[in-house]
Amino acid sequence: MDVGGGPGSVVALGDSITDGERSTPDAGRRWPDVLAGRLRGQRVVPRYGVLNGGVSANRVLADGYPGDGVTTVQSGVSALHRLERDVFAQTGVRTVVILEGVNDLLAGAPAGALIDGLRTIADRARERGLRVLAATILPCAGHARCPAAVDTERRAVNAWIRATGGFDGVLDFDAVVRDPARPERMLPAYDSGDHLHPEDAGMAALGNSVDLRLL
């Protein structure tokens, strides 16, 4: 449903975590759903619409699908290559929230390359007059493809997100769900069991942590 004439929309640009993998199916418990519910129930800021731009297995840098022909690959084109379609072309968009990068790191991308990609997304969105919020990458230790070397790269990206000042705001999702005793891991209460995707309680924690005034 495409609705115009309202206060505008927020696009959540992400991967399977934003798409809701491992949350209860068809129950509206993904973190963007939680955020949308909070916006509907308050009067502090306008009641922006929330558009879920999550694509499972999506990456910032690499295309899983070349954009032509038939394929069984579901990860789609990269975040860099789908910005026009999934963000800029959406009705009333005013803010984009970026929660991407873990799949790039799991596939071996270095922190520097991922940082360059995230910076490019922010620059292109700002050229369109959009606000850009960056979410830190969630911990993934315990997942089969997330050894200590990947966590080192993840921490480097998160440190850059927090310190760069290159965004209009930062959502520290890593701090929300990590285990204080083992910060490379997600809290067991939020872990769906695969050590990569939050379950319903973790999704709620993410959605409830967003400072609505940043939107």
N, C-alpha and C. Protein backbone atom coordinates (compact mmCIF):
# COMPACT_ATOMS: atom_id res chain seq x y z
N MET A 1 0.84 -1.19 0.00
CA MET A 1 0.00 0.00 0.00
C MET A 1 0.88 1.24 0.00
N ASP A 2 0.62 2.14 -0.92
CA ASP A 2 1.41 3.36 -1.05
C ASP A 2 0.53 4.53 -0.61
N VAL A 3 0.92 5.20 0.47
CA VAL A 3 0.10 6.26 1.05
C VAL A 3 0.84 7.57 1.01
N GLY A 4 0.23 8.60 0.45
CA GLY A 4 0.83 9.92 0.39
C GLY A 4 0.10 10.88 1.31
N GLY A 5 0.67 12.08 1.44
CA GLY A 5 0.01 13.12 2.20
C GLY A 5 0.24 13.10 3.69
N GLY A 6 1.02 12.14 4.17
CA GLY A 6 1.31 12.07 5.60
C GLY A 6 2.60 12.79 5.94
N PRO A 7 3.13 12.54 7.13
CA PRO A 7 4.34 13.25 7.56
C PRO A 7 5.62 12.71 6.95
N GLY A 8 5.55 11.61 6.23
CA GLY A 8 6.75 11.05 5.62
C GLY A 8 7.04 9.65 6.13
N SER A 9 8.11 9.06 5.62
CA SER A 9 8.41 7.67 5.94
C SER A 9 9.88 7.48 6.28
N VAL A 10 10.12 6.39 6.99
CA VAL A 10 11.46 5.95 7.37
C VAL A 10 11.70 4.61 6.70
N VAL A 11 12.80 4.48 5.99
CA VAL A 11 13.15 3.21 5.34
C VAL A 11 14.23 2.51 6.17
N ALA A 12 13.95 1.28 6.55
CA ALA A 12 14.94 0.44 7.24
C ALA A 12 15.64 -0.40 6.18
N LEU A 13 16.86 -0.02 5.85
CA LEU A 13 17.65 -0.69 4.81
C LEU A 13 18.52 -1.74 5.50
N GLY A 14 18.26 -3.01 5.22
CA GLY A 14 19.00 -4.02 5.96
C GLY A 14 19.01 -5.38 5.30
N ASP A 15 19.41 -6.36 6.10
CA ASP A 15 19.52 -7.74 5.64
C ASP A 15 18.47 -8.60 6.34
N SER A 16 18.81 -9.86 6.65
CA SER A 16 17.82 -10.77 7.24
C SER A 16 17.39 -10.35 8.64
N ILE A 17 18.24 -9.63 9.36
CA ILE A 17 17.86 -9.17 10.69
C ILE A 17 16.70 -8.18 10.59
N THR A 18 16.76 -7.30 9.61
CA THR A 18 15.67 -6.36 9.37
C THR A 18 14.48 -7.05 8.73
N ASP A 19 14.74 -8.03 7.88
CA ASP A 19 13.69 -8.80 7.23
C ASP A 19 12.91 -9.66 8.21
N GLY A 20 13.49 -9.92 9.39
CA GLY A 20 12.78 -10.65 10.42
C GLY A 20 13.08 -12.12 10.53
N GLU A 21 14.17 -12.55 9.91
CA GLU A 21 14.57 -13.96 10.01
C GLU A 21 14.66 -14.39 11.47
N ARG A 22 14.04 -15.52 11.79
CA ARG A 22 14.04 -16.15 13.12
C ARG A 22 13.11 -15.46 14.12
N SER A 23 12.41 -14.40 13.73
CA SER A 23 11.32 -13.90 14.56
C SER A 23 10.07 -14.70 14.20
N THR A 24 9.02 -14.57 15.00
CA THR A 24 7.79 -15.31 14.73
C THR A 24 7.20 -14.88 13.39
N PRO A 25 7.01 -15.82 12.45
CA PRO A 25 6.50 -15.43 11.13
C PRO A 25 5.11 -14.79 11.19
N ASP A 26 4.92 -13.76 10.38
CA ASP A 26 3.61 -13.12 10.18
C ASP A 26 3.00 -12.62 11.48
N ALA A 27 3.85 -12.25 12.44
CA ALA A 27 3.34 -11.78 13.73
C ALA A 27 3.67 -10.32 13.99
N GLY A 28 4.34 -9.67 13.04
CA GLY A 28 4.68 -8.26 13.22
C GLY A 28 5.65 -8.01 14.36
N ARG A 29 6.64 -8.90 14.50
CA ARG A 29 7.59 -8.78 15.61
C ARG A 29 9.00 -8.45 15.15
N ARG A 30 9.16 -8.05 13.92
CA ARG A 30 10.45 -7.58 13.45
C ARG A 30 10.74 -6.22 14.07
N TRP A 31 12.02 -5.84 14.15
CA TRP A 31 12.30 -4.58 14.83
C TRP A 31 11.67 -3.38 14.12
N PRO A 32 11.58 -3.34 12.76
CA PRO A 32 10.86 -2.21 12.16
C PRO A 32 9.37 -2.20 12.52
N ASP A 33 8.77 -3.37 12.73
CA ASP A 33 7.37 -3.42 13.16
C ASP A 33 7.21 -2.82 14.55
N VAL A 34 8.15 -3.15 15.43
CA VAL A 34 8.13 -2.59 16.78
C VAL A 34 8.26 -1.08 16.73
N LEU A 35 9.17 -0.60 15.89
CA LEU A 35 9.36 0.84 15.73
C LEU A 35 8.08 1.49 15.20
N ALA A 36 7.45 0.87 14.21
CA ALA A 36 6.22 1.42 13.65
C ALA A 36 5.12 1.51 14.70
N GLY A 37 5.02 0.48 15.54
CA GLY A 37 4.03 0.51 16.61
C GLY A 37 4.27 1.63 17.60
N ARG A 38 5.53 1.86 17.92
CA ARG A 38 5.86 2.96 18.83
C ARG A 38 5.48 4.31 18.21
N LEU A 39 5.75 4.47 16.93
CA LEU A 39 5.43 5.74 16.28
C LEU A 39 3.92 5.98 16.25
N ARG A 40 3.15 4.92 16.04
CA ARG A 40 1.69 5.08 16.01
C ARG A 40 1.13 5.47 17.37
N GLY A 41 1.80 5.04 18.43
CA GLY A 41 1.25 5.23 19.77
C GLY A 41 1.80 6.43 20.53
N GLN A 42 2.42 7.39 19.85
CA GLN A 42 3.02 8.52 20.55
C GLN A 42 2.70 9.83 19.83
N ARG A 43 2.99 10.95 20.50
CA ARG A 43 2.75 12.27 19.90
C ARG A 43 3.96 13.19 20.06
N VAL A 44 5.13 12.59 20.35
CA VAL A 44 6.34 13.39 20.52
C VAL A 44 6.88 13.84 19.16
N VAL A 45 6.85 12.94 18.19
CA VAL A 45 7.28 13.25 16.82
C VAL A 45 6.16 12.87 15.88
N PRO A 46 6.20 13.31 14.63
CA PRO A 46 5.18 12.88 13.67
C PRO A 46 5.11 11.35 13.56
N ARG A 47 3.96 10.86 13.19
CA ARG A 47 3.77 9.41 13.08
C ARG A 47 4.22 8.93 11.70
N TYR A 48 5.52 8.89 11.53
CA TYR A 48 6.09 8.47 10.26
C TYR A 48 5.72 7.02 9.94
N GLY A 49 5.57 6.74 8.66
CA GLY A 49 5.46 5.35 8.24
C GLY A 49 6.83 4.70 8.27
N VAL A 50 6.86 3.38 8.47
CA VAL A 50 8.11 2.63 8.48
C VAL A 50 8.06 1.61 7.35
N LEU A 51 9.03 1.69 6.45
CA LEU A 51 9.10 0.78 5.31
C LEU A 51 10.24 -0.20 5.53
N ASN A 52 9.92 -1.48 5.48
CA ASN A 52 10.94 -2.50 5.73
C ASN A 52 11.66 -2.82 4.43
N GLY A 53 12.93 -2.41 4.35
CA GLY A 53 13.77 -2.69 3.20
C GLY A 53 14.79 -3.77 3.48
N GLY A 54 14.40 -4.75 4.28
CA GLY A 54 15.30 -5.85 4.61
C GLY A 54 15.26 -6.95 3.56
N VAL A 55 16.42 -7.42 3.13
CA VAL A 55 16.54 -8.52 2.18
C VAL A 55 17.49 -9.54 2.77
N SER A 56 17.01 -10.74 2.98
CA SER A 56 17.83 -11.77 3.62
C SER A 56 19.12 -12.02 2.82
N ALA A 57 20.22 -12.12 3.56
CA ALA A 57 21.56 -12.39 3.01
C ALA A 57 22.11 -11.23 2.21
N ASN A 58 21.45 -10.07 2.24
CA ASN A 58 21.91 -8.92 1.47
C ASN A 58 23.25 -8.42 2.00
N ARG A 59 24.04 -7.85 1.09
CA ARG A 59 25.32 -7.26 1.46
C ARG A 59 25.36 -5.79 1.02
N VAL A 60 26.27 -5.05 1.62
CA VAL A 60 26.49 -3.67 1.21
C VAL A 60 27.23 -3.63 -0.11
N LEU A 61 28.23 -4.49 -0.28
CA LEU A 61 29.19 -4.36 -1.37
C LEU A 61 28.95 -5.29 -2.55
N ALA A 62 28.50 -6.50 -2.31
CA ALA A 62 28.47 -7.51 -3.37
C ALA A 62 27.05 -7.85 -3.78
N ASP A 63 26.84 -7.99 -5.09
CA ASP A 63 25.54 -8.41 -5.62
C ASP A 63 25.41 -9.93 -5.54
N GLY A 64 24.30 -10.39 -4.96
CA GLY A 64 24.00 -11.81 -5.00
C GLY A 64 23.24 -12.18 -6.26
N TYR A 65 22.62 -11.17 -6.87
CA TYR A 65 21.82 -11.35 -8.07
C TYR A 65 22.24 -10.30 -9.09
N PRO A 66 22.56 -10.68 -10.31
CA PRO A 66 23.07 -9.70 -11.27
C PRO A 66 22.02 -8.72 -11.78
N GLY A 67 20.75 -8.96 -11.45
CA GLY A 67 19.71 -8.01 -11.85
C GLY A 67 19.04 -8.35 -13.16
N ASP A 68 19.35 -9.49 -13.74
CA ASP A 68 18.76 -9.86 -15.02
C ASP A 68 18.64 -11.37 -15.08
N GLY A 69 17.54 -11.86 -15.62
CA GLY A 69 17.38 -13.29 -15.78
C GLY A 69 16.82 -13.96 -14.54
N VAL A 70 16.82 -15.28 -14.56
CA VAL A 70 16.26 -16.09 -13.48
C VAL A 70 17.39 -16.60 -12.60
N THR A 71 17.17 -16.53 -11.29
CA THR A 71 18.19 -17.00 -10.36
C THR A 71 17.52 -17.56 -9.12
N THR A 72 18.21 -18.48 -8.45
CA THR A 72 17.72 -18.99 -7.17
C THR A 72 18.32 -18.23 -6.00
N VAL A 73 19.23 -17.30 -6.27
CA VAL A 73 19.87 -16.51 -5.22
C VAL A 73 18.88 -15.48 -4.72
N GLN A 74 18.65 -15.45 -3.41
CA GLN A 74 17.64 -14.58 -2.83
C GLN A 74 18.20 -13.30 -2.22
N SER A 75 19.51 -13.15 -2.20
CA SER A 75 20.11 -12.02 -1.48
C SER A 75 20.01 -10.70 -2.23
N GLY A 76 19.64 -10.75 -3.50
CA GLY A 76 19.39 -9.53 -4.26
C GLY A 76 20.66 -8.78 -4.62
N VAL A 77 20.45 -7.61 -5.22
CA VAL A 77 21.58 -6.75 -5.52
C VAL A 77 22.04 -6.06 -4.24
N SER A 78 23.25 -5.56 -4.23
CA SER A 78 23.83 -4.97 -3.04
C SER A 78 23.04 -3.75 -2.58
N ALA A 79 23.24 -3.39 -1.31
CA ALA A 79 22.59 -2.19 -0.78
C ALA A 79 22.97 -0.97 -1.62
N LEU A 80 24.20 -0.90 -2.06
CA LEU A 80 24.64 0.21 -2.91
C LEU A 80 23.86 0.27 -4.22
N HIS A 81 23.53 -0.90 -4.77
CA HIS A 81 22.86 -0.94 -6.06
C HIS A 81 21.35 -0.91 -5.97
N ARG A 82 20.77 -1.05 -4.78
CA ARG A 82 19.31 -1.00 -4.66
C ARG A 82 18.82 0.27 -3.95
N LEU A 83 19.73 1.20 -3.71
CA LEU A 83 19.33 2.44 -3.04
C LEU A 83 18.23 3.18 -3.81
N GLU A 84 18.40 3.30 -5.11
CA GLU A 84 17.44 4.06 -5.92
C GLU A 84 16.04 3.44 -5.80
N ARG A 85 15.97 2.13 -5.97
CA ARG A 85 14.68 1.44 -5.96
C ARG A 85 14.07 1.35 -4.57
N ASP A 86 14.87 0.96 -3.58
CA ASP A 86 14.32 0.61 -2.27
C ASP A 86 14.28 1.76 -1.28
N VAL A 87 14.99 2.85 -1.58
CA VAL A 87 14.99 4.00 -0.68
C VAL A 87 14.50 5.25 -1.40
N PHE A 88 15.25 5.71 -2.39
CA PHE A 88 14.97 7.01 -2.99
C PHE A 88 13.62 7.06 -3.70
N ALA A 89 13.16 5.94 -4.25
CA ALA A 89 11.91 5.93 -5.00
C ALA A 89 10.68 5.77 -4.11
N GLN A 90 10.87 5.59 -2.81
CA GLN A 90 9.73 5.36 -1.93
C GLN A 90 9.00 6.67 -1.61
N THR A 91 7.71 6.57 -1.43
CA THR A 91 6.87 7.74 -1.21
C THR A 91 7.17 8.41 0.13
N GLY A 92 7.46 9.70 0.09
CA GLY A 92 7.60 10.48 1.31
C GLY A 92 8.80 10.17 2.16
N VAL A 93 9.79 9.45 1.62
CA VAL A 93 10.93 9.07 2.46
C VAL A 93 11.67 10.30 2.95
N ARG A 94 12.00 10.30 4.24
CA ARG A 94 12.76 11.41 4.82
C ARG A 94 13.99 10.91 5.56
N THR A 95 13.97 9.65 6.01
CA THR A 95 15.08 9.10 6.79
C THR A 95 15.36 7.68 6.35
N VAL A 96 16.64 7.30 6.27
CA VAL A 96 17.02 5.92 6.02
C VAL A 96 17.84 5.44 7.21
N VAL A 97 17.52 4.25 7.71
CA VAL A 97 18.26 3.60 8.79
C VAL A 97 19.02 2.43 8.18
N ILE A 98 20.34 2.45 8.29
CA ILE A 98 21.17 1.41 7.69
C ILE A 98 21.60 0.41 8.76
N LEU A 99 21.17 -0.84 8.61
CA LEU A 99 21.67 -1.94 9.44
C LEU A 99 22.14 -3.03 8.49
N GLU A 100 23.34 -2.88 8.00
CA GLU A 100 23.91 -3.80 7.01
C GLU A 100 25.40 -3.98 7.30
N GLY A 101 25.93 -5.08 6.80
CA GLY A 101 27.37 -5.28 6.84
C GLY A 101 27.82 -6.61 7.39
N VAL A 102 26.99 -7.26 8.21
CA VAL A 102 27.46 -8.51 8.80
C VAL A 102 27.68 -9.57 7.73
N ASN A 103 26.86 -9.60 6.69
CA ASN A 103 27.06 -10.60 5.64
C ASN A 103 28.32 -10.33 4.83
N ASP A 104 28.67 -9.06 4.65
CA ASP A 104 29.94 -8.73 4.00
C ASP A 104 31.11 -9.27 4.82
N LEU A 105 31.06 -9.03 6.13
CA LEU A 105 32.14 -9.49 7.01
C LEU A 105 32.22 -11.01 7.05
N LEU A 106 31.07 -11.68 7.10
CA LEU A 106 31.06 -13.14 7.12
C LEU A 106 31.63 -13.72 5.83
N ALA A 107 31.52 -12.95 4.75
CA ALA A 107 32.06 -13.40 3.46
C ALA A 107 33.51 -13.01 3.25
N GLY A 108 34.10 -12.34 4.25
CA GLY A 108 35.52 -12.02 4.18
C GLY A 108 35.87 -10.60 3.81
N ALA A 109 34.88 -9.73 3.67
CA ALA A 109 35.18 -8.33 3.35
C ALA A 109 35.90 -7.68 4.52
N PRO A 110 36.94 -6.88 4.26
CA PRO A 110 37.64 -6.18 5.35
C PRO A 110 36.84 -4.98 5.82
N ALA A 111 37.14 -4.55 7.04
CA ALA A 111 36.43 -3.42 7.62
C ALA A 111 36.54 -2.18 6.76
N GLY A 112 37.71 -1.91 6.20
CA GLY A 112 37.92 -0.70 5.41
C GLY A 112 37.00 -0.63 4.21
N ALA A 113 36.83 -1.75 3.51
CA ALA A 113 35.96 -1.76 2.33
C ALA A 113 34.50 -1.54 2.73
N LEU A 114 34.10 -2.17 3.83
CA LEU A 114 32.72 -2.00 4.30
C LEU A 114 32.47 -0.56 4.73
N ILE A 115 33.42 0.03 5.41
CA ILE A 115 33.30 1.44 5.82
C ILE A 115 33.14 2.34 4.60
N ASP A 116 33.90 2.08 3.55
CA ASP A 116 33.78 2.87 2.33
C ASP A 116 32.38 2.74 1.74
N GLY A 117 31.83 1.53 1.77
CA GLY A 117 30.49 1.31 1.24
C GLY A 117 29.43 2.03 2.04
N LEU A 118 29.53 1.96 3.36
CA LEU A 118 28.56 2.65 4.22
C LEU A 118 28.67 4.16 4.04
N ARG A 119 29.89 4.66 3.90
CA ARG A 119 30.09 6.10 3.68
C ARG A 119 29.43 6.53 2.36
N THR A 120 29.56 5.70 1.33
CA THR A 120 28.96 6.02 0.04
C THR A 120 27.44 6.07 0.13
N ILE A 121 26.85 5.11 0.85
CA ILE A 121 25.39 5.13 1.04
C ILE A 121 24.97 6.42 1.73
N ALA A 122 25.67 6.79 2.79
CA ALA A 122 25.33 8.01 3.52
C ALA A 122 25.46 9.24 2.62
N ASP A 123 26.53 9.30 1.85
CA ASP A 123 26.74 10.46 0.97
C ASP A 123 25.64 10.57 -0.08
N ARG A 124 25.27 9.44 -0.68
CA ARG A 124 24.24 9.47 -1.72
C ARG A 124 22.88 9.84 -1.13
N ALA A 125 22.59 9.35 0.06
CA ALA A 125 21.31 9.68 0.68
C ALA A 125 21.25 11.15 1.05
N ARG A 126 22.35 11.67 1.54
CA ARG A 126 22.38 13.09 1.90
C ARG A 126 22.22 13.97 0.66
N GLU A 127 22.76 13.53 -0.46
CA GLU A 127 22.59 14.29 -1.70
C GLU A 127 21.12 14.41 -2.08
N ARG A 128 20.32 13.45 -1.63
CA ARG A 128 18.87 13.48 -1.89
C ARG A 128 18.12 14.22 -0.78
N GLY A 129 18.84 14.77 0.18
CA GLY A 129 18.20 15.50 1.25
C GLY A 129 17.64 14.65 2.36
N LEU A 130 18.07 13.39 2.46
CA LEU A 130 17.56 12.49 3.49
C LEU A 130 18.42 12.53 4.74
N ARG A 131 17.79 12.26 5.87
CA ARG A 131 18.53 12.00 7.10
C ARG A 131 19.04 10.56 7.04
N VAL A 132 20.22 10.33 7.61
CA VAL A 132 20.84 9.01 7.56
C VAL A 132 21.23 8.59 8.97
N LEU A 133 20.65 7.49 9.43
CA LEU A 133 21.02 6.91 10.72
C LEU A 133 21.73 5.58 10.46
N ALA A 134 22.80 5.34 11.17
CA ALA A 134 23.54 4.08 11.04
C ALA A 134 23.40 3.27 12.31
N ALA A 135 23.09 2.00 12.16
CA ALA A 135 23.03 1.08 13.29
C ALA A 135 24.31 0.26 13.34
N THR A 136 24.85 0.08 14.53
CA THR A 136 26.04 -0.76 14.68
C THR A 136 25.69 -2.22 14.41
N ILE A 137 26.69 -2.97 13.97
CA ILE A 137 26.50 -4.36 13.56
C ILE A 137 26.45 -5.26 14.81
N LEU A 138 25.47 -6.13 14.84
CA LEU A 138 25.26 -7.01 15.99
C LEU A 138 26.38 -8.04 16.13
N PRO A 139 26.65 -8.50 17.36
CA PRO A 139 27.66 -9.54 17.56
C PRO A 139 27.20 -10.87 16.97
N CYS A 140 28.16 -11.70 16.57
CA CYS A 140 27.79 -12.97 15.92
C CYS A 140 28.67 -14.13 16.35
N ALA A 141 29.50 -13.97 17.37
CA ALA A 141 30.36 -15.08 17.80
C ALA A 141 29.50 -16.28 18.19
N GLY A 142 29.96 -17.45 17.81
CA GLY A 142 29.20 -18.68 18.00
C GLY A 142 28.61 -19.18 16.70
N HIS A 143 28.40 -18.25 15.76
CA HIS A 143 27.96 -18.64 14.43
C HIS A 143 29.13 -19.29 13.70
N ALA A 144 28.83 -20.26 12.86
CA ALA A 144 29.89 -21.05 12.23
C ALA A 144 30.85 -20.21 11.40
N ARG A 145 30.36 -19.11 10.81
CA ARG A 145 31.21 -18.30 9.93
C ARG A 145 31.67 -17.00 10.60
N CYS A 146 31.59 -16.96 11.94
CA CYS A 146 31.97 -15.73 12.63
C CYS A 146 33.07 -16.00 13.66
N PRO A 147 34.29 -16.28 13.20
CA PRO A 147 35.41 -16.49 14.12
C PRO A 147 35.89 -15.16 14.68
N ALA A 148 36.92 -15.22 15.52
CA ALA A 148 37.44 -14.02 16.17
C ALA A 148 37.89 -12.97 15.17
N ALA A 149 38.44 -13.39 14.03
CA ALA A 149 38.91 -12.44 13.04
C ALA A 149 37.76 -11.60 12.49
N VAL A 150 36.60 -12.21 12.29
CA VAL A 150 35.43 -11.47 11.82
C VAL A 150 34.96 -10.49 12.88
N ASP A 151 34.99 -10.93 14.13
CA ASP A 151 34.56 -10.02 15.21
C ASP A 151 35.49 -8.81 15.31
N THR A 152 36.77 -9.02 15.06
CA THR A 152 37.71 -7.89 15.06
C THR A 152 37.33 -6.86 14.00
N GLU A 153 36.99 -7.34 12.81
CA GLU A 153 36.57 -6.43 11.74
C GLU A 153 35.25 -5.74 12.10
N ARG A 154 34.34 -6.50 12.68
CA ARG A 154 33.04 -5.93 13.09
C ARG A 154 33.24 -4.81 14.10
N ARG A 155 34.09 -5.01 15.07
CA ARG A 155 34.34 -3.98 16.07
C ARG A 155 34.96 -2.73 15.44
N ALA A 156 35.81 -2.94 14.46
CA ALA A 156 36.42 -1.79 13.78
C ALA A 156 35.36 -0.97 13.04
N VAL A 157 34.44 -1.65 12.38
CA VAL A 157 33.36 -0.94 11.68
C VAL A 157 32.48 -0.20 12.68
N ASN A 158 32.14 -0.86 13.78
CA ASN A 158 31.29 -0.22 14.79
C ASN A 158 31.97 0.98 15.43
N ALA A 159 33.27 0.87 15.66
CA ALA A 159 34.00 2.01 16.22
C ALA A 159 33.94 3.20 15.27
N TRP A 160 34.06 2.93 13.98
CA TRP A 160 33.96 4.01 12.99
C TRP A 160 32.56 4.61 12.97
N ILE A 161 31.53 3.77 13.01
CA ILE A 161 30.16 4.28 13.01
C ILE A 161 29.93 5.20 14.20
N ARG A 162 30.39 4.77 15.36
CA ARG A 162 30.16 5.56 16.58
C ARG A 162 30.93 6.88 16.57
N ALA A 163 32.11 6.87 15.98
CA ALA A 163 33.02 8.02 16.13
C ALA A 163 33.06 8.95 14.95
N THR A 164 32.57 8.51 13.79
CA THR A 164 32.84 9.27 12.58
C THR A 164 32.12 10.60 12.50
N GLY A 165 30.92 10.70 13.04
CA GLY A 165 30.13 11.90 12.85
C GLY A 165 29.62 12.02 11.43
N GLY A 166 29.72 10.94 10.67
CA GLY A 166 29.31 10.96 9.28
C GLY A 166 27.83 10.68 9.06
N PHE A 167 27.10 10.53 10.15
CA PHE A 167 25.67 10.24 10.06
C PHE A 167 24.89 11.26 10.89
N ASP A 168 23.60 11.32 10.64
CA ASP A 168 22.76 12.23 11.42
C ASP A 168 22.42 11.64 12.79
N GLY A 169 22.71 10.39 12.97
CA GLY A 169 22.50 9.75 14.26
C GLY A 169 22.99 8.32 14.21
N VAL A 170 23.28 7.76 15.37
CA VAL A 170 23.75 6.38 15.48
C VAL A 170 22.80 5.60 16.39
N LEU A 171 22.40 4.43 15.95
CA LEU A 171 21.62 3.50 16.76
C LEU A 171 22.57 2.39 17.18
N ASP A 172 22.90 2.33 18.45
CA ASP A 172 23.91 1.37 18.89
C ASP A 172 23.26 0.02 19.20
N PHE A 173 22.84 -0.66 18.15
CA PHE A 173 22.16 -1.95 18.29
C PHE A 173 23.10 -3.00 18.89
N ASP A 174 24.38 -2.90 18.59
CA ASP A 174 25.36 -3.82 19.19
C ASP A 174 25.28 -3.74 20.72
N ALA A 175 25.28 -2.53 21.26
CA ALA A 175 25.24 -2.36 22.72
C ALA A 175 23.92 -2.86 23.31
N VAL A 176 22.85 -2.81 22.52
CA VAL A 176 21.54 -3.23 23.02
C VAL A 176 21.49 -4.74 23.26
N VAL A 177 22.06 -5.53 22.36
CA VAL A 177 21.85 -6.98 22.42
C VAL A 177 23.07 -7.77 22.86
N ARG A 178 24.24 -7.15 22.99
CA ARG A 178 25.43 -7.95 23.31
C ARG A 178 25.43 -8.38 24.77
N ASP A 179 26.13 -9.46 25.02
CA ASP A 179 26.31 -9.98 26.37
C ASP A 179 27.45 -9.21 27.04
N PRO A 180 27.20 -8.46 28.11
CA PRO A 180 28.29 -7.70 28.74
C PRO A 180 29.47 -8.56 29.16
N ALA A 181 29.20 -9.81 29.53
CA ALA A 181 30.28 -10.70 29.95
C ALA A 181 31.08 -11.23 28.77
N ARG A 182 30.43 -11.30 27.60
CA ARG A 182 31.09 -11.78 26.38
C ARG A 182 30.59 -10.91 25.23
N PRO A 183 31.15 -9.72 25.07
CA PRO A 183 30.59 -8.76 24.11
C PRO A 183 30.68 -9.18 22.65
N GLU A 184 31.41 -10.25 22.38
CA GLU A 184 31.45 -10.76 21.01
C GLU A 184 30.21 -11.60 20.69
N ARG A 185 29.39 -11.86 21.74
CA ARG A 185 28.20 -12.69 21.58
C ARG A 185 26.93 -11.92 21.92
N MET A 186 25.82 -12.40 21.37
CA MET A 186 24.52 -11.87 21.71
C MET A 186 24.07 -12.45 23.06
N LEU A 187 23.33 -11.64 23.82
CA LEU A 187 22.75 -12.15 25.05
C LEU A 187 21.89 -13.38 24.76
N PRO A 188 22.02 -14.45 25.55
CA PRO A 188 21.21 -15.64 25.31
C PRO A 188 19.72 -15.36 25.25
N ALA A 189 19.24 -14.40 26.05
CA ALA A 189 17.82 -14.08 26.06
C ALA A 189 17.34 -13.48 24.74
N TYR A 190 18.27 -12.96 23.94
CA TYR A 190 17.91 -12.35 22.66
C TYR A 190 18.28 -13.22 21.47
N ASP A 191 19.06 -14.25 21.69
CA ASP A 191 19.62 -15.07 20.61
C ASP A 191 18.59 -16.11 20.17
N SER A 192 18.34 -16.15 18.86
CA SER A 192 17.38 -17.13 18.33
C SER A 192 17.93 -18.54 18.35
N GLY A 193 19.22 -18.67 18.60
CA GLY A 193 19.84 -19.98 18.64
C GLY A 193 20.92 -20.17 17.59
N ASP A 194 20.91 -19.30 16.57
CA ASP A 194 21.94 -19.42 15.54
C ASP A 194 23.09 -18.44 15.77
N HIS A 195 23.00 -17.65 16.84
CA HIS A 195 24.04 -16.70 17.24
C HIS A 195 24.25 -15.56 16.24
N LEU A 196 23.27 -15.38 15.36
CA LEU A 196 23.35 -14.32 14.36
C LEU A 196 22.10 -13.46 14.34
N HIS A 197 20.93 -14.11 14.45
CA HIS A 197 19.65 -13.40 14.37
C HIS A 197 18.99 -13.32 15.74
N PRO A 198 18.50 -12.15 16.11
CA PRO A 198 17.72 -12.05 17.35
C PRO A 198 16.36 -12.74 17.19
N GLU A 199 15.84 -13.24 18.30
CA GLU A 199 14.46 -13.73 18.29
C GLU A 199 13.54 -12.60 18.71
N ASP A 200 12.28 -12.90 19.04
CA ASP A 200 11.29 -11.85 19.25
C ASP A 200 11.71 -10.85 20.32
N ALA A 201 12.24 -11.33 21.42
CA ALA A 201 12.65 -10.41 22.50
C ALA A 201 13.79 -9.52 22.05
N GLY A 202 14.71 -10.07 21.27
CA GLY A 202 15.81 -9.26 20.76
C GLY A 202 15.33 -8.23 19.76
N MET A 203 14.38 -8.63 18.90
CA MET A 203 13.80 -7.67 17.95
C MET A 203 13.11 -6.54 18.70
N ALA A 204 12.38 -6.88 19.75
CA ALA A 204 11.70 -5.85 20.54
C ALA A 204 12.70 -4.91 21.19
N ALA A 205 13.80 -5.47 21.68
CA ALA A 205 14.82 -4.62 22.31
C ALA A 205 15.41 -3.64 21.30
N LEU A 206 15.63 -4.09 20.07
CA LEU A 206 16.16 -3.20 19.04
C LEU A 206 15.15 -2.10 18.72
N GLY A 207 13.92 -2.49 18.43
CA GLY A 207 12.91 -1.51 18.06
C GLY A 207 12.60 -0.51 19.16
N ASN A 208 12.65 -0.97 20.40
CA ASN A 208 12.36 -0.09 21.53
C ASN A 208 13.53 0.81 21.88
N SER A 209 14.71 0.50 21.37
CA SER A 209 15.90 1.30 21.72
C SER A 209 16.04 2.56 20.87
N VAL A 210 15.28 2.64 19.77
CA VAL A 210 15.45 3.75 18.84
C VAL A 210 14.93 5.05 19.48
N ASP A 211 15.77 6.07 19.49
CA ASP A 211 15.35 7.40 19.94
C ASP A 211 14.52 8.02 18.82
N LEU A 212 13.23 8.13 19.02
CA LEU A 212 12.33 8.59 17.97
C LEU A 212 12.70 10.00 17.48
N ARG A 213 13.31 10.78 18.33
CA ARG A 213 13.66 12.15 17.94
C ARG A 213 14.74 12.18 16.87
N LEU A 214 15.48 11.09 16.71
CA LEU A 214 16.50 11.03 15.66
C LEU A 214 15.89 10.88 14.28
N LEU A 215 14.64 10.44 14.22
CA LEU A 215 14.02 10.15 12.93
C LEU A 215 13.60 11.42 12.20
